[in-house]
Amino acid sequence: MAGSGVGVLDKAMGVLNALEAGPLTLAQLVATTSLARPTAHRIAVALEYHRFVARDIQGRFVLGPRLAELAAAADEDQLLAVANPILIALRDHTGESAQLYRRQGEHRICVAAAERAMGLRDSIPVGATLSMQAGSAAQVLLAWEEPDRMHRGLHGAQFTATVLSAVRRRGWAQSVGDREVGVSSISAPVRGPSGQVIAAVSISGPLERMGRQPGRQYAAAVVASANRLTEILQSSPSS
């Protein structure tokens, strides 16, 4: 294959292409790519640092989680195209504002929303940047991360590893006054074609209306909406 003229990039792509076939030891990586052993090791470790490469339990090099994250981001246009009617239906069913969040680095972004038309509401505009350290959507976006990244995300968070374990077990998260005093929320995961969590569907509203255990009343509706989005994404011909 002809090179791009950027040697180090071509070598990195050679490593990734080799790993597409499955796990490789360093010796196997050298044999497959024809790179010098120090070069192959240096590039693989650099790719590991950026999470394009990881290690399996035997210490072999494998493709890393960053590739799945980029693939998920590529699905965002499709996600947004189908999200609005589902959020509107969720808002109308629950009577509370509905949102869709994506993780972006150490924050989460509201990428779609359906606001409650009148009365007291929790208003979060599209494009708003919120913390990953508080709120039910943050819990959902962190709960299914690989362990190292999840534990890093817990530093300074308003929730614990035990809370995230409960989120994974029941399939939804709730928060009461974590992100903002007087506000409750419920969130559930949206999964892309690969099964990875790529977004969180949420509803949020005043504590006085949603209560201190909002999951009892609203979890089923939020989970159903998130599952509907997942079904659409996973059944898409482009998937």
Protein backbone atom coordinates (compact mmCIF):
# COMPACT_ATOMS: atom_id res chain seq x y z
CA MET A 1 0.00 0.00 0.00
CA ALA A 2 1.32 3.43 -0.95
CA GLY A 3 2.31 5.67 1.91
CA SER A 4 0.80 9.05 2.71
CA GLY A 5 4.18 10.72 2.93
CA VAL A 6 3.87 11.03 6.72
CA GLY A 7 5.99 8.11 7.83
CA VAL A 8 5.05 7.90 11.48
CA LEU A 9 1.34 8.03 10.63
CA ASP A 10 1.73 5.27 8.05
CA LYS A 11 3.51 3.11 10.65
CA ALA A 12 0.78 3.76 13.22
CA MET A 13 -1.87 2.79 10.68
CA GLY A 14 0.13 -0.33 9.92
CA VAL A 15 -0.03 -1.30 13.60
CA LEU A 16 -3.78 -0.66 13.79
CA ASN A 17 -4.41 -2.57 10.56
CA ALA A 18 -2.41 -5.53 11.89
CA LEU A 19 -4.43 -5.57 15.12
CA GLU A 20 -7.69 -5.61 13.19
CA ALA A 21 -7.17 -9.36 12.71
CA GLY A 22 -6.91 -9.94 16.47
CA PRO A 23 -4.53 -9.79 19.46
CA LEU A 24 -0.78 -9.83 18.73
CA THR A 25 2.31 -10.13 20.86
CA LEU A 26 5.11 -7.66 20.17
CA ALA A 27 6.98 -10.34 18.21
CA GLN A 28 3.89 -11.05 16.10
CA LEU A 29 3.35 -7.34 15.57
CA VAL A 30 6.92 -6.97 14.33
CA ALA A 31 6.51 -9.91 11.95
CA THR A 32 3.16 -8.64 10.63
CA THR A 33 4.17 -5.01 10.10
CA SER A 34 7.84 -5.53 9.17
CA LEU A 35 8.70 -2.69 11.55
CA ALA A 36 11.87 -2.79 13.62
CA ARG A 37 11.10 -4.11 17.10
CA PRO A 38 11.89 -0.81 18.91
CA THR A 39 9.77 1.11 16.40
CA ALA A 40 6.82 -1.27 16.67
CA HIS A 41 7.00 -1.13 20.46
CA ARG A 42 7.27 2.67 20.57
CA ILE A 43 4.30 3.16 18.23
CA ALA A 44 2.12 0.55 19.96
CA VAL A 45 2.79 2.09 23.38
CA ALA A 46 2.05 5.59 22.05
CA LEU A 47 -1.22 4.33 20.58
CA GLU A 48 -1.97 2.67 23.91
CA TYR A 49 -1.46 5.99 25.69
CA HIS A 50 -4.11 7.54 23.43
CA ARG A 51 -6.38 4.48 23.90
CA PHE A 52 -6.29 3.41 20.25
CA VAL A 53 -4.51 0.26 21.45
CA ALA A 54 -4.99 -1.70 24.68
CA ARG A 55 -3.70 -4.96 26.21
CA ASP A 56 -5.61 -8.18 26.83
CA ILE A 57 -5.19 -10.29 29.97
CA GLN A 58 -2.22 -12.03 28.36
CA GLY A 59 -0.48 -8.74 27.69
CA ARG A 60 -1.01 -8.88 23.93
CA PHE A 61 -1.80 -5.74 21.96
CA VAL A 62 -5.44 -5.32 20.89
CA LEU A 63 -7.51 -2.51 19.39
CA GLY A 64 -8.46 0.01 22.08
CA PRO A 65 -11.72 1.66 23.17
CA ARG A 66 -10.99 4.99 21.53
CA LEU A 67 -11.82 3.49 18.12
CA ALA A 68 -15.30 2.52 19.30
CA GLU A 69 -15.79 5.99 20.76
CA LEU A 70 -14.94 7.61 17.43
CA ALA A 71 -17.27 5.23 15.64
CA ALA A 72 -20.00 6.17 18.09
CA ALA A 73 -19.39 9.85 17.46
CA ALA A 74 -19.80 9.20 13.74
CA ASP A 75 -23.32 7.92 14.52
CA GLU A 76 -24.27 11.22 16.17
CA ASP A 77 -26.03 12.72 13.15
CA GLN A 78 -28.27 9.66 12.92
CA LEU A 79 -28.85 9.75 16.67
CA LEU A 80 -29.95 13.40 16.56
CA ALA A 81 -32.16 12.79 13.53
CA VAL A 82 -34.26 10.24 15.42
CA ALA A 83 -33.99 11.63 18.97
CA ASN A 84 -36.34 14.61 18.84
CA PRO A 85 -39.67 12.79 18.38
CA ILE A 86 -38.71 10.32 21.12
CA LEU A 87 -37.79 13.14 23.52
CA ILE A 88 -41.04 14.95 22.73
CA ALA A 89 -43.04 11.78 23.42
CA LEU A 90 -41.13 11.26 26.69
CA ARG A 91 -41.79 14.87 27.75
CA ASP A 92 -45.49 14.56 26.94
CA HIS A 93 -45.78 11.24 28.78
CA THR A 94 -43.99 12.34 31.94
CA GLY A 95 -44.80 16.05 31.94
CA GLU A 96 -41.12 16.87 32.55
CA SER A 97 -38.35 18.31 30.34
CA ALA A 98 -36.42 15.65 28.42
CA GLN A 99 -32.79 15.78 27.28
CA LEU A 100 -30.19 13.76 25.40
CA TYR A 101 -26.56 13.95 26.56
CA ARG A 102 -23.28 12.90 24.96
CA ARG A 103 -19.96 12.75 26.77
CA GLN A 104 -17.22 15.04 25.49
CA GLY A 105 -13.98 14.65 27.41
CA GLU A 106 -14.55 15.56 31.04
CA HIS A 107 -17.97 17.09 30.38
CA ARG A 108 -21.33 16.12 29.01
CA ILE A 109 -23.16 18.09 26.36
CA CYS A 110 -26.90 18.45 25.92
CA VAL A 111 -27.30 17.60 22.22
CA ALA A 112 -31.11 17.54 22.06
CA ALA A 113 -33.96 18.62 24.34
CA ALA A 114 -37.73 18.85 24.60
CA GLU A 115 -38.72 21.51 27.13
CA ARG A 116 -41.82 21.46 29.28
CA ALA A 117 -44.12 24.06 27.72
CA MET A 118 -45.12 25.90 30.87
CA GLY A 119 -44.86 26.00 34.63
CA LEU A 120 -41.85 25.28 36.82
CA ARG A 121 -39.24 23.31 34.85
CA ASP A 122 -35.56 22.47 34.64
CA SER A 123 -34.49 24.23 31.45
CA ILE A 124 -31.29 22.97 29.81
CA PRO A 125 -30.62 24.43 26.37
CA VAL A 126 -29.11 22.42 23.53
CA GLY A 127 -25.35 22.93 23.59
CA ALA A 128 -25.17 23.37 27.37
CA THR A 129 -22.00 21.92 28.92
CA LEU A 130 -22.48 20.18 32.26
CA SER A 131 -20.20 18.42 34.70
CA MET A 132 -19.48 14.69 34.60
CA GLN A 133 -19.24 14.74 38.39
CA ALA A 134 -22.91 15.17 39.24
CA GLY A 135 -26.33 14.25 37.91
CA SER A 136 -27.99 11.06 36.71
CA ALA A 137 -26.81 11.45 33.09
CA ALA A 138 -23.20 11.68 34.29
CA GLN A 139 -23.72 8.43 36.21
CA VAL A 140 -25.04 6.68 33.11
CA LEU A 141 -22.27 7.97 30.84
CA LEU A 142 -19.63 6.82 33.34
CA ALA A 143 -21.12 3.55 34.60
CA TRP A 144 -20.24 1.47 31.52
CA GLU A 145 -16.78 2.93 30.90
CA GLU A 146 -13.75 0.64 31.11
CA PRO A 147 -12.65 0.34 34.76
CA ASP A 148 -9.61 2.64 34.63
CA ARG A 149 -11.52 5.48 33.03
CA MET A 150 -14.51 4.96 35.29
CA HIS A 151 -12.39 5.16 38.43
CA ARG A 152 -10.63 8.30 37.19
CA GLY A 153 -14.03 9.84 36.58
CA LEU A 154 -15.06 9.15 40.17
CA HIS A 155 -12.41 11.52 41.56
CA GLY A 156 -14.36 14.44 43.02
CA ALA A 157 -17.71 13.05 41.89
CA GLN A 158 -20.91 13.36 43.91
CA PHE A 159 -21.52 9.63 43.45
CA THR A 160 -19.50 6.49 44.23
CA ALA A 161 -18.47 3.24 42.55
CA THR A 162 -21.25 1.54 44.53
CA VAL A 163 -23.79 3.91 42.99
CA LEU A 164 -22.48 3.15 39.49
CA SER A 165 -22.68 -0.58 40.20
CA ALA A 166 -26.36 -0.12 41.07
CA VAL A 167 -26.86 1.87 37.85
CA ARG A 168 -25.43 -0.99 35.78
CA ARG A 169 -27.55 -3.55 37.63
CA ARG A 170 -30.91 -1.80 37.20
CA GLY A 171 -30.19 -0.01 33.91
CA TRP A 172 -30.97 3.56 35.00
CA ALA A 173 -29.77 6.32 37.32
CA GLN A 174 -31.44 8.94 39.46
CA SER A 175 -30.17 12.07 41.18
CA VAL A 176 -31.77 14.37 43.72
CA GLY A 177 -30.19 17.79 44.12
CA ASP A 178 -26.76 16.56 42.98
CA ARG A 179 -26.29 18.88 40.01
CA GLU A 180 -28.56 21.65 41.23
CA VAL A 181 -30.39 22.14 44.52
CA GLY A 182 -34.09 21.39 44.18
CA VAL A 183 -33.78 19.41 40.92
CA SER A 184 -34.37 15.68 40.41
CA SER A 185 -33.52 13.65 37.31
CA ILE A 186 -33.67 10.16 35.83
CA SER A 187 -31.41 8.88 33.03
CA ALA A 188 -30.95 5.69 31.01
CA PRO A 189 -28.31 4.58 28.47
CA VAL A 190 -28.54 4.67 24.69
CA ARG A 191 -26.33 2.10 22.95
CA GLY A 192 -24.87 2.25 19.46
CA PRO A 193 -24.56 -0.60 16.95
CA SER A 194 -21.51 -1.99 18.77
CA GLY A 195 -23.40 -2.13 22.07
CA GLN A 196 -21.36 0.67 23.62
CA VAL A 197 -23.17 3.37 25.61
CA ILE A 198 -23.05 6.47 23.41
CA ALA A 199 -25.62 8.76 25.07
CA ALA A 200 -28.00 9.20 27.98
CA VAL A 201 -31.70 10.02 27.78
CA SER A 202 -32.90 12.06 30.76
CA ILE A 203 -35.85 13.83 32.25
CA SER A 204 -35.40 16.49 34.89
CA GLY A 205 -37.64 18.70 36.93
CA PRO A 206 -38.25 20.27 40.33
CA LEU A 207 -37.80 18.07 43.38
CA GLU A 208 -41.17 19.18 44.75
CA ARG A 209 -42.90 17.56 41.75
CA MET A 210 -40.62 14.59 40.96
CA GLY A 211 -39.86 13.66 44.56
CA ARG A 212 -36.84 12.15 46.28
CA GLN A 213 -37.28 8.75 44.60
CA PRO A 214 -38.10 9.82 41.03
CA GLY A 215 -37.12 6.40 39.68
CA ARG A 216 -40.22 4.80 41.17
CA GLN A 217 -42.50 6.86 38.96
CA TYR A 218 -40.37 7.70 35.92
CA ALA A 219 -37.66 5.06 35.37
CA ALA A 220 -39.76 2.78 33.19
CA ALA A 221 -40.66 5.59 30.76
CA VAL A 222 -37.07 6.86 30.52
CA VAL A 223 -35.67 3.35 29.99
CA ALA A 224 -38.30 2.65 27.31
CA SER A 225 -37.33 5.82 25.45
CA ALA A 226 -33.61 5.01 25.65
CA ASN A 227 -34.27 1.46 24.48
CA ARG A 228 -36.32 2.76 21.55
CA LEU A 229 -33.41 4.95 20.46
CA THR A 230 -31.05 1.99 20.81
CA GLU A 231 -33.32 -0.21 18.69
CA ILE A 232 -33.46 2.37 15.90
CA LEU A 233 -29.68 2.81 15.87
CA GLN A 234 -28.97 -0.91 15.94
CA SER A 235 -31.52 -1.74 13.23
CA SER A 236 -30.33 0.99 10.85
CA PRO A 237 -29.02 -0.34 7.50
CA SER A 238 -25.83 1.72 8.01
CA SER A 239 -25.14 -0.23 11.22
